Amino acid sequence: YPTVSRRLGETGTVYLRVQVSPEGLALQVDLKKSSGFPRLDQSAQDAVANWRFVPAKRGGTSVSSWVVVPIVFSLS
């Protein structure tokens, strides 16, 4: 959570469209729907870019795929 966003009480949900490689890496992270706060959007993109995913499989073989990842920023 960005420190400035926490102090200002910014909350919301960011939806990211992520291309996952056969190795489980985030190849591309695109903003699908903004939280309304650029700091939260960027923080979510930066975090997800470093995540490891379980790749999709087709017939037992890992393949590249796209997924939508929601990131919720809540101060509760």
N, C-alpha and C. Protein backbone atom coordinates (compact mmCIF):
# COMPACT_ATOMS: atom_id res chain seq x y z
N TYR A 1 0.86 -1.17 0.00
CA TYR A 1 0.00 0.00 0.00
C TYR A 1 0.90 1.22 0.00
N PRO A 2 0.77 2.10 -0.97
CA PRO A 2 1.59 3.30 -0.97
C PRO A 2 1.34 4.13 0.29
N THR A 3 2.38 4.61 0.92
CA THR A 3 2.27 5.37 2.17
C THR A 3 1.39 6.60 2.01
N VAL A 4 1.58 7.34 0.93
CA VAL A 4 0.78 8.55 0.70
C VAL A 4 -0.70 8.19 0.53
N SER A 5 -0.97 7.12 -0.20
CA SER A 5 -2.36 6.69 -0.41
C SER A 5 -3.01 6.29 0.91
N ARG A 6 -2.26 5.60 1.76
CA ARG A 6 -2.79 5.20 3.07
C ARG A 6 -3.12 6.45 3.90
N ARG A 7 -2.22 7.41 3.92
CA ARG A 7 -2.41 8.64 4.69
C ARG A 7 -3.62 9.43 4.18
N LEU A 8 -3.82 9.43 2.85
CA LEU A 8 -4.94 10.18 2.26
C LEU A 8 -6.25 9.40 2.27
N GLY A 9 -6.20 8.14 2.71
CA GLY A 9 -7.41 7.33 2.78
C GLY A 9 -7.89 6.81 1.44
N GLU A 10 -6.99 6.70 0.47
CA GLU A 10 -7.37 6.21 -0.86
C GLU A 10 -7.60 4.70 -0.81
N THR A 11 -8.76 4.28 -1.31
CA THR A 11 -9.09 2.86 -1.38
C THR A 11 -9.71 2.57 -2.74
N GLY A 12 -9.76 1.32 -3.09
CA GLY A 12 -10.38 0.92 -4.34
C GLY A 12 -9.86 -0.40 -4.83
N THR A 13 -10.41 -0.85 -5.93
CA THR A 13 -10.00 -2.12 -6.54
C THR A 13 -9.43 -1.85 -7.92
N VAL A 14 -8.27 -2.42 -8.17
CA VAL A 14 -7.61 -2.31 -9.47
C VAL A 14 -7.78 -3.66 -10.17
N TYR A 15 -8.18 -3.64 -11.42
CA TYR A 15 -8.26 -4.88 -12.20
C TYR A 15 -7.15 -4.85 -13.24
N LEU A 16 -6.31 -5.88 -13.20
CA LEU A 16 -5.19 -5.97 -14.12
C LEU A 16 -5.36 -7.16 -15.05
N ARG A 17 -5.01 -6.97 -16.29
CA ARG A 17 -5.00 -8.05 -17.28
C ARG A 17 -3.55 -8.48 -17.41
N VAL A 18 -3.28 -9.76 -17.09
CA VAL A 18 -1.91 -10.25 -17.01
C VAL A 18 -1.69 -11.41 -17.99
N GLN A 19 -0.63 -11.30 -18.78
CA GLN A 19 -0.23 -12.41 -19.63
C GLN A 19 0.76 -13.25 -18.83
N VAL A 20 0.41 -14.51 -18.62
CA VAL A 20 1.24 -15.43 -17.83
C VAL A 20 1.97 -16.37 -18.79
N SER A 21 3.28 -16.46 -18.62
CA SER A 21 4.10 -17.33 -19.47
C SER A 21 3.93 -18.78 -19.06
N PRO A 22 4.38 -19.72 -19.90
CA PRO A 22 4.34 -21.14 -19.53
C PRO A 22 5.16 -21.44 -18.27
N GLU A 23 6.08 -20.54 -17.93
CA GLU A 23 6.91 -20.71 -16.74
C GLU A 23 6.27 -20.07 -15.50
N GLY A 24 5.13 -19.39 -15.68
CA GLY A 24 4.43 -18.76 -14.57
C GLY A 24 4.83 -17.33 -14.29
N LEU A 25 5.56 -16.70 -15.21
CA LEU A 25 5.98 -15.31 -15.04
C LEU A 25 4.96 -14.36 -15.67
N ALA A 26 4.85 -13.16 -15.11
CA ALA A 26 3.98 -12.14 -15.70
C ALA A 26 4.75 -11.49 -16.85
N LEU A 27 4.35 -11.77 -18.07
CA LEU A 27 5.03 -11.22 -19.25
C LEU A 27 4.57 -9.79 -19.53
N GLN A 28 3.29 -9.54 -19.28
CA GLN A 28 2.71 -8.23 -19.56
C GLN A 28 1.63 -7.97 -18.53
N VAL A 29 1.59 -6.76 -17.99
CA VAL A 29 0.58 -6.38 -17.00
C VAL A 29 -0.07 -5.10 -17.49
N ASP A 30 -1.34 -5.19 -17.85
CA ASP A 30 -2.09 -4.04 -18.36
C ASP A 30 -3.20 -3.66 -17.40
N LEU A 31 -3.45 -2.36 -17.29
CA LEU A 31 -4.55 -1.87 -16.47
C LEU A 31 -5.86 -2.11 -17.20
N LYS A 32 -6.73 -2.92 -16.63
CA LYS A 32 -8.04 -3.19 -17.22
C LYS A 32 -9.07 -2.20 -16.69
N LYS A 33 -9.05 -1.97 -15.35
CA LYS A 33 -9.96 -1.00 -14.74
C LYS A 33 -9.25 -0.34 -13.57
N SER A 34 -9.24 0.97 -13.58
CA SER A 34 -8.54 1.77 -12.56
C SER A 34 -9.31 1.80 -11.24
N SER A 35 -8.56 1.99 -10.18
CA SER A 35 -9.15 2.20 -8.85
C SER A 35 -9.64 3.64 -8.73
N GLY A 36 -9.19 4.49 -9.64
CA GLY A 36 -9.49 5.91 -9.56
C GLY A 36 -8.33 6.70 -8.97
N PHE A 37 -7.29 5.97 -8.52
CA PHE A 37 -6.12 6.60 -7.94
C PHE A 37 -4.86 6.08 -8.63
N PRO A 38 -4.16 6.92 -9.39
CA PRO A 38 -2.97 6.47 -10.12
C PRO A 38 -1.91 5.79 -9.25
N ARG A 39 -1.75 6.25 -8.01
CA ARG A 39 -0.76 5.62 -7.12
C ARG A 39 -1.12 4.17 -6.83
N LEU A 40 -2.40 3.92 -6.57
CA LEU A 40 -2.83 2.54 -6.29
C LEU A 40 -2.69 1.68 -7.55
N ASP A 41 -3.06 2.23 -8.69
CA ASP A 41 -2.95 1.48 -9.95
C ASP A 41 -1.50 1.07 -10.20
N GLN A 42 -0.57 2.01 -10.03
CA GLN A 42 0.84 1.73 -10.30
C GLN A 42 1.40 0.73 -9.28
N SER A 43 1.02 0.88 -8.04
CA SER A 43 1.48 -0.03 -6.99
C SER A 43 1.04 -1.46 -7.30
N ALA A 44 -0.21 -1.61 -7.72
CA ALA A 44 -0.73 -2.94 -8.07
C ALA A 44 0.03 -3.52 -9.26
N GLN A 45 0.26 -2.70 -10.29
CA GLN A 45 0.99 -3.18 -11.46
C GLN A 45 2.41 -3.60 -11.09
N ASP A 46 3.07 -2.83 -10.27
CA ASP A 46 4.44 -3.15 -9.87
C ASP A 46 4.49 -4.45 -9.08
N ALA A 47 3.53 -4.65 -8.19
CA ALA A 47 3.51 -5.86 -7.38
C ALA A 47 3.25 -7.10 -8.23
N VAL A 48 2.23 -7.04 -9.08
CA VAL A 48 1.84 -8.20 -9.88
C VAL A 48 2.92 -8.57 -10.90
N ALA A 49 3.67 -7.59 -11.36
CA ALA A 49 4.75 -7.86 -12.32
C ALA A 49 5.80 -8.81 -11.73
N ASN A 50 5.88 -8.86 -10.40
CA ASN A 50 6.87 -9.72 -9.75
C ASN A 50 6.28 -11.01 -9.19
N TRP A 51 5.00 -11.23 -9.37
CA TRP A 51 4.36 -12.45 -8.87
C TRP A 51 4.76 -13.66 -9.71
N ARG A 52 4.64 -14.84 -9.11
CA ARG A 52 4.76 -16.11 -9.83
C ARG A 52 3.36 -16.71 -9.88
N PHE A 53 2.96 -17.19 -11.04
CA PHE A 53 1.63 -17.76 -11.26
C PHE A 53 1.75 -19.25 -11.56
N VAL A 54 0.66 -19.96 -11.35
CA VAL A 54 0.56 -21.34 -11.83
C VAL A 54 0.07 -21.22 -13.26
N PRO A 55 0.88 -21.65 -14.23
CA PRO A 55 0.49 -21.46 -15.64
C PRO A 55 -0.68 -22.35 -16.05
N ALA A 56 -1.38 -21.90 -17.07
CA ALA A 56 -2.46 -22.70 -17.65
C ALA A 56 -1.85 -23.93 -18.32
N LYS A 57 -2.65 -24.96 -18.42
CA LYS A 57 -2.18 -26.19 -19.08
C LYS A 57 -3.13 -26.58 -20.19
N ARG A 58 -2.56 -27.10 -21.24
CA ARG A 58 -3.35 -27.64 -22.34
C ARG A 58 -2.81 -29.04 -22.59
N GLY A 59 -3.61 -30.03 -22.23
CA GLY A 59 -3.18 -31.42 -22.41
C GLY A 59 -1.93 -31.76 -21.61
N GLY A 60 -1.79 -31.20 -20.43
CA GLY A 60 -0.62 -31.49 -19.60
C GLY A 60 0.60 -30.64 -19.88
N THR A 61 0.51 -29.77 -20.89
CA THR A 61 1.63 -28.90 -21.25
C THR A 61 1.32 -27.47 -20.82
N SER A 62 2.22 -26.82 -20.13
CA SER A 62 2.03 -25.43 -19.73
C SER A 62 2.02 -24.53 -20.95
N VAL A 63 1.07 -23.58 -20.95
CA VAL A 63 0.93 -22.66 -22.08
C VAL A 63 0.78 -21.23 -21.56
N SER A 64 1.04 -20.28 -22.41
CA SER A 64 0.83 -18.87 -22.10
C SER A 64 -0.67 -18.59 -22.09
N SER A 65 -1.10 -17.71 -21.19
CA SER A 65 -2.53 -17.38 -21.12
C SER A 65 -2.69 -15.98 -20.51
N TRP A 66 -3.90 -15.46 -20.61
CA TRP A 66 -4.23 -14.17 -20.03
C TRP A 66 -5.20 -14.39 -18.88
N VAL A 67 -5.01 -13.65 -17.78
CA VAL A 67 -5.91 -13.70 -16.63
C VAL A 67 -6.20 -12.29 -16.17
N VAL A 68 -7.33 -12.10 -15.50
CA VAL A 68 -7.66 -10.82 -14.88
C VAL A 68 -7.45 -10.98 -13.38
N VAL A 69 -6.67 -10.08 -12.81
CA VAL A 69 -6.32 -10.13 -11.39
C VAL A 69 -6.89 -8.88 -10.70
N PRO A 70 -7.79 -9.07 -9.73
CA PRO A 70 -8.26 -7.91 -8.96
C PRO A 70 -7.34 -7.69 -7.75
N ILE A 71 -6.97 -6.46 -7.51
CA ILE A 71 -6.18 -6.09 -6.34
C ILE A 71 -7.01 -5.10 -5.54
N VAL A 72 -7.34 -5.48 -4.31
CA VAL A 72 -8.19 -4.64 -3.46
C VAL A 72 -7.33 -3.88 -2.48
N PHE A 73 -7.49 -2.57 -2.46
CA PHE A 73 -6.83 -1.70 -1.50
C PHE A 73 -7.89 -1.24 -0.50
N SER A 74 -7.79 -1.71 0.73
CA SER A 74 -8.77 -1.40 1.75
C SER A 74 -8.05 -1.04 3.04
N LEU A 75 -8.55 -0.06 3.74
CA LEU A 75 -7.94 0.37 4.99
C LEU A 75 -8.64 -0.20 6.22
N SER A 76 -9.55 -1.12 6.04
CA SER A 76 -10.28 -1.69 7.18
C SER A 76 -9.48 -2.74 7.91
